[in-house]
Amino acid sequence: MKKLFKKGDQSPEIKQIQTLLVERGFLTNEEVSGVFDNETFLAVCSFQTQNLDQNGQPLVVDGKVGELTWWSLHNPKPRIQTPSAVDFLQMPDIALGGTSAGRAALEVAIAEMKDGAGEIGGNNQGRFVRKYLNGLATEGADGPWCAGFVSYCFSQIPDGIPFKYSVGSRDILQQFKKRGWASAPDSSFLPQPGDLVIWWRKRLSGSKGHIGIVHQLRNGFLYTIEGNRSPDVQGFNYVFSRMEKLLGFGRVPD
């Protein structure tokens, strides 16, 4: 595949791209038209933010389908190990802060990583995904599980989940906002172990999002544990001052 597909194009390949985006949960069947319209452009951008190329590198988010995005649409997310200055399998030092509930949930997240949690048998599939979705969504194309993973981790803490179990990232953020537990991305908020970080996906004003649990903030890098960014529950790191698509942060108080 050498052609570059972009907004305004119309062809059988565009319909194929849209069908693959439906299978991955980024479009609906009603949006499959064979025309690379604005909804397809936004879906491609959203897909690119959440997927990797064949070398395990993040896709460029430009809304165009070239060789790398085409490959990623046709292949499962590659399992990779990202370089990190921290050991995600160890709890961060108590001096880095974090509330008791947040740190307890982070311990659960680390335990899930140690257990090899992630997708089994295909995109958004397997026993771990079913466990995280908790009957609130169906595994497979319609079952992105990042929020379910976060909800599960908090559901296992000694005092019980302090918010309503949800498989929606934005829903969790809204719950936190109503309780006064959320902070805007442009505030002076500094995340601590066990806090939540929430991104928008597809469009800022849309309904899709992504969420992770903070491992620690160290030397200008934010380290997180996330589900559904790769096939596994995995640790990631970001330059804190250059994080994009942020909706906000959340912290369960003591």
C-alpha atoms as a PDB file:
ATOM      1  CA  MET A   1       0.000   0.000   0.000  1.00  0.00           C
ATOM      2  CA  LYS A   2       1.768   3.130  -1.204  1.00  0.00           C
ATOM      3  CA  LYS A   3      -1.052   5.589  -1.659  1.00  0.00           C
ATOM      4  CA  LEU A   4      -1.791   8.286   0.917  1.00  0.00           C
ATOM      5  CA  PHE A   5      -5.477   8.555   1.812  1.00  0.00           C
ATOM      6  CA  LYS A   6      -6.766  11.867   3.158  1.00  0.00           C
ATOM      7  CA  LYS A   7      -9.884  13.960   3.735  1.00  0.00           C
ATOM      8  CA  GLY A   8     -11.959  14.364   0.566  1.00  0.00           C
ATOM      9  CA  ASP A   9     -10.871  11.073  -1.037  1.00  0.00           C
ATOM     10  CA  GLN A  10     -13.480   8.579  -2.212  1.00  0.00           C
ATOM     11  CA  SER A  11     -12.658   4.980  -3.129  1.00  0.00           C
ATOM     12  CA  PRO A  12     -13.182   1.314  -2.152  1.00  0.00           C
ATOM     13  CA  GLU A  13     -10.036   1.601   0.000  1.00  0.00           C
ATOM     14  CA  ILE A  14     -11.670   4.370   2.049  1.00  0.00           C
ATOM     15  CA  LYS A  15     -14.586   2.042   2.769  1.00  0.00           C
ATOM     16  CA  GLN A  16     -12.078  -0.602   3.849  1.00  0.00           C
ATOM     17  CA  ILE A  17     -10.385   1.909   6.159  1.00  0.00           C
ATOM     18  CA  GLN A  18     -13.743   2.891   7.643  1.00  0.00           C
ATOM     19  CA  THR A  19     -14.694  -0.760   8.182  1.00  0.00           C
ATOM     20  CA  LEU A  20     -11.438  -1.350  10.049  1.00  0.00           C
ATOM     21  CA  LEU A  21     -12.108   1.740  12.168  1.00  0.00           C
ATOM     22  CA  VAL A  22     -15.531   0.304  13.015  1.00  0.00           C
ATOM     23  CA  GLU A  23     -13.909  -2.970  14.080  1.00  0.00           C
ATOM     24  CA  ARG A  24     -11.544  -1.026  16.348  1.00  0.00           C
ATOM     25  CA  GLY A  25     -14.395   1.011  17.850  1.00  0.00           C
ATOM     26  CA  PHE A  26     -13.529   4.406  16.308  1.00  0.00           C
ATOM     27  CA  LEU A  27     -16.490   4.654  13.906  1.00  0.00           C
ATOM     28  CA  THR A  28     -20.011   3.233  13.725  1.00  0.00           C
ATOM     29  CA  ASN A  29     -21.449   1.157  10.896  1.00  0.00           C
ATOM     30  CA  GLU A  30     -23.606   4.105   9.888  1.00  0.00           C
ATOM     31  CA  GLU A  31     -20.478   6.152   9.146  1.00  0.00           C
ATOM     32  CA  VAL A  32     -19.086   3.701   6.555  1.00  0.00           C
ATOM     33  CA  SER A  33     -19.639   5.486   3.240  1.00  0.00           C
ATOM     34  CA  GLY A  34     -16.481   5.175   1.156  1.00  0.00           C
ATOM     35  CA  VAL A  35     -15.960   8.922   1.501  1.00  0.00           C
ATOM     36  CA  PHE A  36     -13.089  10.249   3.629  1.00  0.00           C
ATOM     37  CA  ASP A  37     -15.237  12.809   5.435  1.00  0.00           C
ATOM     38  CA  ASN A  38     -14.624  14.800   8.607  1.00  0.00           C
ATOM     39  CA  GLU A  39     -15.872  11.990  10.879  1.00  0.00           C
ATOM     40  CA  THR A  40     -13.388   9.617   9.268  1.00  0.00           C
ATOM     41  CA  PHE A  41     -10.622  12.194   9.639  1.00  0.00           C
ATOM     42  CA  LEU A  42     -11.371  12.551  13.366  1.00  0.00           C
ATOM     43  CA  ALA A  43     -11.589   8.773  13.771  1.00  0.00           C
ATOM     44  CA  VAL A  44      -8.195   8.315  12.087  1.00  0.00           C
ATOM     45  CA  CYS A  45      -6.679  10.978  14.376  1.00  0.00           C
ATOM     46  CA  SER A  46      -8.146   9.222  17.395  1.00  0.00           C
ATOM     47  CA  PHE A  47      -6.856   5.849  16.189  1.00  0.00           C
ATOM     48  CA  GLN A  48      -3.393   7.309  15.642  1.00  0.00           C
ATOM     49  CA  THR A  49      -3.223   8.635  19.210  1.00  0.00           C
ATOM     50  CA  GLN A  50      -3.871   5.143  20.574  1.00  0.00           C
ATOM     51  CA  ASN A  51      -1.812   2.904  18.287  1.00  0.00           C
ATOM     52  CA  LEU A  52       1.730   2.139  17.185  1.00  0.00           C
ATOM     53  CA  ASP A  53       3.514   1.281  13.956  1.00  0.00           C
ATOM     54  CA  GLN A  54       5.290  -2.005  13.186  1.00  0.00           C
ATOM     55  CA  ASN A  55       8.407  -0.733  14.962  1.00  0.00           C
ATOM     56  CA  GLY A  56       6.530   0.032  18.167  1.00  0.00           C
ATOM     57  CA  GLN A  57       6.674   3.782  17.588  1.00  0.00           C
ATOM     58  CA  PRO A  58       3.685   6.129  18.062  1.00  0.00           C
ATOM     59  CA  LEU A  59       1.859   7.005  14.854  1.00  0.00           C
ATOM     60  CA  VAL A  60       1.978  10.609  13.649  1.00  0.00           C
ATOM     61  CA  VAL A  61      -1.403  12.161  14.393  1.00  0.00           C
ATOM     62  CA  ASP A  62      -2.266  13.865  11.105  1.00  0.00           C
ATOM     63  CA  GLY A  63      -5.592  12.281  10.140  1.00  0.00           C
ATOM     64  CA  LYS A  64      -4.090  10.749   6.994  1.00  0.00           C
ATOM     65  CA  VAL A  65      -3.708   7.049   6.217  1.00  0.00           C
ATOM     66  CA  GLY A  66      -0.266   6.330   4.844  1.00  0.00           C
ATOM     67  CA  GLU A  67       1.746   3.116   4.960  1.00  0.00           C
ATOM     68  CA  LEU A  68       2.303   3.112   8.739  1.00  0.00           C
ATOM     69  CA  THR A  69      -1.307   3.829   9.703  1.00  0.00           C
ATOM     70  CA  TRP A  70      -2.498   1.365   7.045  1.00  0.00           C
ATOM     71  CA  TRP A  71      -0.275  -1.320   8.601  1.00  0.00           C
ATOM     72  CA  SER A  72      -1.509  -0.513  12.100  1.00  0.00           C
ATOM     73  CA  LEU A  73      -5.157  -0.741  11.003  1.00  0.00           C
ATOM     74  CA  HIS A  74      -4.502  -4.216   9.598  1.00  0.00           C
ATOM     75  CA  ASN A  75      -2.425  -5.614  12.457  1.00  0.00           C
ATOM     76  CA  PRO A  76      -2.747  -6.053  16.203  1.00  0.00           C
ATOM     77  CA  LYS A  77      -1.024  -3.517  18.399  1.00  0.00           C
ATOM     78  CA  PRO A  78       2.610  -4.640  18.827  1.00  0.00           C
ATOM     79  CA  ARG A  79       3.766  -5.535  22.307  1.00  0.00           C
ATOM     80  CA  ILE A  80       6.696  -3.320  23.243  1.00  0.00           C
ATOM     81  CA  GLN A  81       8.713  -2.278  26.243  1.00  0.00           C
ATOM     82  CA  THR A  82       9.180   1.472  26.437  1.00  0.00           C
ATOM     83  CA  PRO A  83      12.411   2.784  28.001  1.00  0.00           C
ATOM     84  CA  SER A  84      11.831   4.295  31.432  1.00  0.00           C
ATOM     85  CA  ALA A  85      13.846   5.834  34.252  1.00  0.00           C
ATOM     86  CA  VAL A  86      11.532   4.259  36.845  1.00  0.00           C
ATOM     87  CA  ASP A  87      10.581   0.689  37.679  1.00  0.00           C
ATOM     88  CA  PHE A  88       6.832   0.498  37.116  1.00  0.00           C
ATOM     89  CA  LEU A  89       6.664  -2.768  39.051  1.00  0.00           C
ATOM     90  CA  GLN A  90       7.734  -1.069  42.275  1.00  0.00           C
ATOM     91  CA  MET A  91       5.627   1.285  44.366  1.00  0.00           C
ATOM     92  CA  PRO A  92       6.989   4.855  44.322  1.00  0.00           C
ATOM     93  CA  ASP A  93       8.571   6.245  47.467  1.00  0.00           C
ATOM     94  CA  ILE A  94       6.075   7.430  50.053  1.00  0.00           C
ATOM     95  CA  ALA A  95       7.818  10.818  50.003  1.00  0.00           C
ATOM     96  CA  LEU A  96       6.335  11.407  46.521  1.00  0.00           C
ATOM     97  CA  GLY A  97       2.893  11.659  48.088  1.00  0.00           C
ATOM     98  CA  GLY A  98      -0.403  10.166  47.061  1.00  0.00           C
ATOM     99  CA  THR A  99      -3.546   9.569  49.095  1.00  0.00           C
ATOM    100  CA  SER A 100      -4.163   6.239  50.790  1.00  0.00           C
ATOM    101  CA  ALA A 101      -6.915   5.317  48.283  1.00  0.00           C
ATOM    102  CA  GLY A 102      -4.818   6.338  45.290  1.00  0.00           C
ATOM    103  CA  ARG A 103      -1.758   4.446  46.418  1.00  0.00           C
ATOM    104  CA  ALA A 104      -3.860   1.359  47.194  1.00  0.00           C
ATOM    105  CA  ALA A 105      -5.312   1.460  43.663  1.00  0.00           C
ATOM    106  CA  LEU A 106      -1.816   1.914  42.231  1.00  0.00           C
ATOM    107  CA  GLU A 107      -0.713  -1.210  44.100  1.00  0.00           C
ATOM    108  CA  VAL A 108      -3.514  -3.116  42.389  1.00  0.00           C
ATOM    109  CA  ALA A 109      -2.440  -1.733  38.992  1.00  0.00           C
ATOM    110  CA  ILE A 110       1.125  -2.884  39.609  1.00  0.00           C
ATOM    111  CA  ALA A 111      -0.117  -6.327  40.650  1.00  0.00           C
ATOM    112  CA  GLU A 112      -2.090  -6.556  37.402  1.00  0.00           C
ATOM    113  CA  MET A 113       1.063  -5.685  35.426  1.00  0.00           C
ATOM    114  CA  LYS A 114       2.978  -8.395  37.262  1.00  0.00           C
ATOM    115  CA  ASP A 115       0.195 -10.842  36.393  1.00  0.00           C
ATOM    116  CA  GLY A 116       0.634 -10.093  32.690  1.00  0.00           C
ATOM    117  CA  ALA A 117      -2.745  -8.399  32.342  1.00  0.00           C
ATOM    118  CA  GLY A 118      -3.856  -7.339  28.891  1.00  0.00           C
ATOM    119  CA  GLU A 119      -5.644  -8.413  25.747  1.00  0.00           C
ATOM    120  CA  ILE A 120      -5.764 -12.108  24.881  1.00  0.00           C
ATOM    121  CA  GLY A 121      -6.954 -13.349  21.518  1.00  0.00           C
ATOM    122  CA  GLY A 122      -7.486 -10.029  19.791  1.00  0.00           C
ATOM    123  CA  ASN A 123      -8.250  -6.336  20.178  1.00  0.00           C
ATOM    124  CA  ASN A 124     -10.181  -5.594  23.399  1.00  0.00           C
ATOM    125  CA  GLN A 125     -10.604  -9.317  24.108  1.00  0.00           C
ATOM    126  CA  GLY A 126      -9.735 -11.859  26.791  1.00  0.00           C
ATOM    127  CA  ARG A 127     -10.318 -12.646  30.442  1.00  0.00           C
ATOM    128  CA  PHE A 128      -8.620  -9.511  31.771  1.00  0.00           C
ATOM    129  CA  VAL A 129     -10.679  -7.253  29.500  1.00  0.00           C
ATOM    130  CA  ARG A 130     -13.894  -9.026  30.565  1.00  0.00           C
ATOM    131  CA  LYS A 131     -12.921  -8.547  34.195  1.00  0.00           C
ATOM    132  CA  TYR A 132     -12.282  -4.828  33.752  1.00  0.00           C
ATOM    133  CA  LEU A 133     -15.447  -4.208  31.707  1.00  0.00           C
ATOM    134  CA  ASN A 134     -17.421  -5.761  34.569  1.00  0.00           C
ATOM    135  CA  GLY A 135     -20.462  -6.503  32.430  1.00  0.00           C
ATOM    136  CA  LEU A 136     -20.860  -2.823  31.482  1.00  0.00           C
ATOM    137  CA  ALA A 137     -19.606  -3.285  27.918  1.00  0.00           C
ATOM    138  CA  THR A 138     -18.901  -6.171  25.569  1.00  0.00           C
ATOM    139  CA  GLU A 139     -15.345  -7.223  24.828  1.00  0.00           C
ATOM    140  CA  GLY A 140     -14.232  -6.760  21.246  1.00  0.00           C
ATOM    141  CA  ALA A 141     -14.717  -3.766  18.990  1.00  0.00           C
ATOM    142  CA  ASP A 142     -17.096  -2.044  21.409  1.00  0.00           C
ATOM    143  CA  GLY A 143     -15.068  -2.670  24.532  1.00  0.00           C
ATOM    144  CA  PRO A 144     -12.190  -0.190  25.037  1.00  0.00           C
ATOM    145  CA  TRP A 145     -11.089  -1.016  28.555  1.00  0.00           C
ATOM    146  CA  CYS A 146      -8.855   1.771  29.912  1.00  0.00           C
ATOM    147  CA  ALA A 147     -11.543   3.186  32.226  1.00  0.00           C
ATOM    148  CA  GLY A 148     -12.635  -0.291  33.240  1.00  0.00           C
ATOM    149  CA  PHE A 149      -9.056  -1.015  34.270  1.00  0.00           C
ATOM    150  CA  VAL A 150      -8.934   2.118  36.435  1.00  0.00           C
ATOM    151  CA  SER A 151     -12.330   1.343  37.954  1.00  0.00           C
ATOM    152  CA  TYR A 152     -11.238  -2.218  38.690  1.00  0.00           C
ATOM    153  CA  CYS A 153      -8.087  -1.054  40.485  1.00  0.00           C
ATOM    154  CA  PHE A 154     -10.110   1.211  42.765  1.00  0.00           C
ATOM    155  CA  SER A 155     -12.762  -1.482  43.278  1.00  0.00           C
ATOM    156  CA  GLN A 156     -10.115  -3.679  44.902  1.00  0.00           C
ATOM    157  CA  ILE A 157      -8.934  -1.236  47.583  1.00  0.00           C
ATOM    158  CA  PRO A 158      -9.831  -1.987  51.236  1.00  0.00           C
ATOM    159  CA  ASP A 159     -12.489   0.735  51.584  1.00  0.00           C
ATOM    160  CA  GLY A 160     -14.153  -0.098  48.254  1.00  0.00           C
ATOM    161  CA  ILE A 161     -14.431   1.966  45.102  1.00  0.00           C
ATOM    162  CA  PRO A 162     -15.018   5.642  46.020  1.00  0.00           C
ATOM    163  CA  PHE A 163     -16.871   6.438  42.778  1.00  0.00           C
ATOM    164  CA  LYS A 164     -19.317   4.597  40.537  1.00  0.00           C
ATOM    165  CA  TYR A 165     -17.620   1.833  38.536  1.00  0.00           C
ATOM    166  CA  SER A 166     -17.476   3.061  34.952  1.00  0.00           C
ATOM    167  CA  VAL A 167     -16.023   2.077  31.586  1.00  0.00           C
ATOM    168  CA  GLY A 168     -16.122   5.704  30.419  1.00  0.00           C
ATOM    169  CA  SER A 169     -13.063   7.904  30.940  1.00  0.00           C
ATOM    170  CA  ARG A 170     -15.031  11.141  30.668  1.00  0.00           C
ATOM    171  CA  ASP A 171     -17.715   9.743  32.960  1.00  0.00           C
ATOM    172  CA  ILE A 172     -15.113   9.148  35.669  1.00  0.00           C
ATOM    173  CA  LEU A 173     -13.819  12.693  35.177  1.00  0.00           C
ATOM    174  CA  GLN A 174     -17.359  14.085  35.493  1.00  0.00           C
ATOM    175  CA  GLN A 175     -17.874  12.107  38.691  1.00  0.00           C
ATOM    176  CA  PHE A 176     -14.667  13.603  40.065  1.00  0.00           C
ATOM    177  CA  LYS A 177     -15.696  17.100  39.031  1.00  0.00           C
ATOM    178  CA  LYS A 178     -19.018  16.776  40.861  1.00  0.00           C
ATOM    179  CA  ARG A 179     -17.169  15.744  44.022  1.00  0.00           C
ATOM    180  CA  GLY A 180     -14.566  18.481  43.724  1.00  0.00           C
ATOM    181  CA  TRP A 181     -11.810  15.910  43.130  1.00  0.00           C
ATOM    182  CA  ALA A 182     -10.766  17.075  39.637  1.00  0.00           C
ATOM    183  CA  SER A 183      -8.159  19.605  38.527  1.00  0.00           C
ATOM    184  CA  ALA A 184      -7.903  21.321  35.154  1.00  0.00           C
ATOM    185  CA  PRO A 185      -4.868  20.637  32.964  1.00  0.00           C
ATOM    186  CA  ASP A 186      -3.844  24.305  32.974  1.00  0.00           C
ATOM    187  CA  SER A 187      -3.828  24.561  36.768  1.00  0.00           C
ATOM    188  CA  SER A 188      -0.819  24.314  39.060  1.00  0.00           C
ATOM    189  CA  PHE A 189      -1.837  20.763  39.999  1.00  0.00           C
ATOM    190  CA  LEU A 190       1.096  18.355  40.347  1.00  0.00           C
ATOM    191  CA  PRO A 191       0.031  14.703  40.063  1.00  0.00           C
ATOM    192  CA  GLN A 192       0.999  12.259  42.793  1.00  0.00           C
ATOM    193  CA  PRO A 193       1.060   8.440  42.879  1.00  0.00           C
ATOM    194  CA  GLY A 194      -2.436   7.022  42.483  1.00  0.00           C
ATOM    195  CA  ASP A 195      -3.942  10.130  40.891  1.00  0.00           C
ATOM    196  CA  LEU A 196      -5.783   9.874  37.577  1.00  0.00           C
ATOM    197  CA  VAL A 197      -4.955  11.542  34.280  1.00  0.00           C
ATOM    198  CA  ILE A 198      -7.623  11.852  31.579  1.00  0.00           C
ATOM    199  CA  TRP A 199      -7.204  12.692  27.885  1.00  0.00           C
ATOM    200  CA  TRP A 200      -9.731  13.440  25.157  1.00  0.00           C
ATOM    201  CA  ARG A 201      -9.897  11.216  22.113  1.00  0.00           C
ATOM    202  CA  LYS A 202     -11.290  11.970  18.627  1.00  0.00           C
ATOM    203  CA  ARG A 203     -12.426  15.498  19.549  1.00  0.00           C
ATOM    204  CA  LEU A 204     -12.283  17.772  22.594  1.00  0.00           C
ATOM    205  CA  SER A 205     -16.057  18.204  22.684  1.00  0.00           C
ATOM    206  CA  GLY A 206     -16.814  14.538  21.974  1.00  0.00           C
ATOM    207  CA  SER A 207     -17.570  11.602  24.230  1.00  0.00           C
ATOM    208  CA  LYS A 208     -14.462   9.452  23.831  1.00  0.00           C
ATOM    209  CA  GLY A 209     -11.496   9.619  26.167  1.00  0.00           C
ATOM    210  CA  HIS A 210      -8.564   7.773  27.676  1.00  0.00           C
ATOM    211  CA  ILE A 211      -7.471   7.429  31.289  1.00  0.00           C
ATOM    212  CA  GLY A 212      -4.500   6.188  33.276  1.00  0.00           C
ATOM    213  CA  ILE A 213      -3.200   5.938  36.840  1.00  0.00           C
ATOM    214  CA  VAL A 214      -0.234   8.083  37.821  1.00  0.00           C
ATOM    215  CA  HIS A 215       2.820   6.170  39.005  1.00  0.00           C
ATOM    216  CA  GLN A 216       4.859   9.265  39.778  1.00  0.00           C
ATOM    217  CA  LEU A 217       5.982  12.679  38.591  1.00  0.00           C
ATOM    218  CA  ARG A 218       9.769  12.817  38.498  1.00  0.00           C
ATOM    219  CA  ASN A 219      12.322  15.148  36.918  1.00  0.00           C
ATOM    220  CA  GLY A 220       9.745  16.684  34.590  1.00  0.00           C
ATOM    221  CA  PHE A 221       8.333  13.356  33.400  1.00  0.00           C
ATOM    222  CA  LEU A 222       4.929  11.938  34.258  1.00  0.00           C
ATOM    223  CA  TYR A 223       4.940   8.159  34.590  1.00  0.00           C
ATOM    224  CA  THR A 224       1.626   6.338  34.268  1.00  0.00           C
ATOM    225  CA  ILE A 225       0.146   2.840  34.180  1.00  0.00           C
ATOM    226  CA  GLU A 226      -2.527   2.468  31.513  1.00  0.00           C
ATOM    227  CA  GLY A 227      -4.728  -0.119  29.902  1.00  0.00           C
ATOM    228  CA  ASN A 228      -5.704  -0.208  26.214  1.00  0.00           C
ATOM    229  CA  ARG A 229      -2.924   2.004  24.909  1.00  0.00           C
ATOM    230  CA  SER A 230      -0.987  -1.146  24.053  1.00  0.00           C
ATOM    231  CA  PRO A 231      -2.331  -4.720  24.276  1.00  0.00           C
ATOM    232  CA  ASP A 232      -0.981  -4.981  27.821  1.00  0.00           C
ATOM    233  CA  VAL A 233      -1.414  -3.103  31.046  1.00  0.00           C
ATOM    234  CA  GLN A 234       1.770  -1.112  30.713  1.00  0.00           C
ATOM    235  CA  GLY A 235       3.793   1.819  31.988  1.00  0.00           C
ATOM    236  CA  PHE A 236       4.271   4.955  29.888  1.00  0.00           C
ATOM    237  CA  ASN A 237       6.087   8.252  30.335  1.00  0.00           C
ATOM    238  CA  TYR A 238       5.399  11.786  29.107  1.00  0.00           C
ATOM    239  CA  VAL A 239       7.174  15.127  29.214  1.00  0.00           C
ATOM    240  CA  PHE A 240       4.842  16.733  31.737  1.00  0.00           C
ATOM    241  CA  SER A 241       5.086  20.244  30.298  1.00  0.00           C
ATOM    242  CA  ARG A 242       4.242  19.033  26.784  1.00  0.00           C
ATOM    243  CA  MET A 243       1.340  16.667  27.376  1.00  0.00           C
ATOM    244  CA  GLU A 244      -1.399  17.040  24.748  1.00  0.00           C
ATOM    245  CA  LYS A 245      -5.150  16.365  24.658  1.00  0.00           C
ATOM    246  CA  LEU A 246      -5.463  16.599  28.428  1.00  0.00           C
ATOM    247  CA  LEU A 247      -8.927  16.893  29.953  1.00  0.00           C
ATOM    248  CA  GLY A 248      -7.758  16.974  33.535  1.00  0.00           C
ATOM    249  CA  PHE A 249      -6.555  15.123  36.602  1.00  0.00           C
ATOM    250  CA  GLY A 250      -8.323  13.468  39.486  1.00  0.00           C
ATOM    251  CA  ARG A 251      -7.401  12.672  43.073  1.00  0.00           C
ATOM    252  CA  VAL A 252      -9.416  10.648  45.574  1.00  0.00           C
ATOM    253  CA  PRO A 253      -8.943  12.487  48.896  1.00  0.00           C
ATOM    254  CA  ASP A 254      -8.004  10.885  52.193  1.00  0.00           C
END
